[in-house]
Amino acid sequence: MVTNAIMDRVFVRLEPLATSKGGIILPETAINERNIGVVESIGSDVKSVKVGDKVLFHTFDDLPTYDPDVVVVRESSLLGVIIDE
């Protein structure tokens, strides 16, 4: 369940990080500092991303929600959209 975001807020579902690309298992401290996720909801003032975009965001500006895998950030905290090819 995702609530509709308002104003310049973006709800982001964090990507799970269990292992690195090289197959190394990451410690719990590295997993807690996830800053890549998929946009689940955007506010009416958000212009730079859309629902479904994979984004990189500033980890110091995220707010936790009812779901430990979803955070709320301001649009200005988004650092970029990741394009998988």
Protein backbone atom coordinates (compact mmCIF):
# COMPACT_ATOMS: atom_id res chain seq x y z
CA MET A 1 0.00 0.00 0.00
CA VAL A 2 1.46 3.32 -1.07
CA THR A 3 -0.07 6.63 -0.16
CA ASN A 4 -0.25 9.38 -2.75
CA ALA A 5 2.64 11.79 -2.40
CA ILE A 6 1.92 15.52 -2.15
CA MET A 7 3.66 18.68 -3.33
CA ASP A 8 7.35 18.01 -4.13
CA ARG A 9 7.54 14.64 -2.34
CA VAL A 10 8.46 11.32 -3.94
CA PHE A 11 7.85 7.85 -2.47
CA VAL A 12 10.75 5.54 -3.37
CA ARG A 13 10.83 1.75 -2.87
CA LEU A 14 14.41 0.81 -1.98
CA GLU A 15 16.20 -1.86 -3.94
CA PRO A 16 17.39 -4.83 -1.91
CA LEU A 17 21.16 -5.25 -1.72
CA ALA A 18 22.12 -8.71 -0.54
CA THR A 19 25.28 -9.21 -2.59
CA SER A 20 27.57 -7.01 -4.60
CA LYS A 21 27.96 -7.37 -8.37
CA GLY A 22 31.05 -9.48 -7.73
CA GLY A 23 29.10 -11.82 -5.46
CA ILE A 24 30.44 -10.52 -2.16
CA ILE A 25 27.88 -10.62 0.65
CA LEU A 26 27.46 -7.13 2.04
CA PRO A 27 27.34 -6.45 5.80
CA GLU A 28 24.11 -5.18 7.38
CA THR A 29 25.57 -1.65 7.70
CA ALA A 30 26.03 -1.43 3.92
CA ILE A 31 22.52 -2.70 3.30
CA ASN A 32 21.00 -0.01 5.54
CA GLU A 33 22.52 2.77 3.44
CA ARG A 34 20.61 2.05 0.24
CA ASN A 35 20.11 5.07 -1.94
CA ILE A 36 18.73 3.58 -5.14
CA GLY A 37 15.08 2.76 -5.61
CA VAL A 38 12.03 2.82 -7.82
CA VAL A 39 9.55 5.72 -7.70
CA GLU A 40 6.16 4.51 -6.46
CA SER A 41 4.28 7.79 -6.10
CA ILE A 42 4.92 11.46 -6.88
CA GLY A 43 3.39 14.72 -5.73
CA SER A 44 1.67 17.19 -8.01
CA ASP A 45 4.69 19.55 -8.08
CA VAL A 46 7.19 16.87 -9.19
CA LYS A 47 8.28 17.36 -12.81
CA SER A 48 11.60 15.50 -13.22
CA VAL A 49 10.56 11.87 -12.59
CA LYS A 50 7.60 9.59 -13.14
CA VAL A 51 6.28 6.50 -11.39
CA GLY A 52 8.45 3.51 -12.27
CA ASP A 53 11.70 5.47 -12.71
CA LYS A 54 14.78 4.04 -11.02
CA VAL A 55 16.42 6.89 -9.08
CA LEU A 56 19.50 7.72 -7.06
CA PHE A 57 18.80 9.98 -4.08
CA HIS A 58 20.63 11.73 -1.26
CA THR A 59 20.49 9.40 1.76
CA PHE A 60 20.52 12.16 4.39
CA ASP A 61 17.17 13.55 3.25
CA ASP A 62 15.04 10.41 3.24
CA LEU A 63 12.22 9.89 5.73
CA PRO A 64 11.07 6.40 6.73
CA THR A 65 7.45 5.33 6.19
CA TYR A 66 5.19 2.58 7.48
CA ASP A 67 7.04 0.20 5.16
CA PRO A 68 10.77 -0.25 5.92
CA ASP A 69 11.47 -0.59 2.18
CA VAL A 70 9.80 2.73 1.24
CA VAL A 71 11.15 6.22 1.97
CA VAL A 72 9.92 9.72 1.19
CA VAL A 73 12.28 12.28 -0.32
CA ARG A 74 11.89 15.75 -1.77
CA GLU A 75 12.33 16.07 -5.51
CA SER A 76 15.40 18.25 -4.85
CA SER A 77 17.04 15.27 -3.06
CA LEU A 78 16.95 13.19 -6.22
CA LEU A 79 20.40 13.02 -7.80
CA GLY A 80 19.51 11.28 -11.03
CA VAL A 81 17.46 8.78 -12.97
CA ILE A 82 19.19 5.47 -13.66
CA ILE A 83 18.68 4.02 -17.12
CA ASP A 84 19.25 0.26 -17.34
CA GLU A 85 20.33 -0.91 -20.78
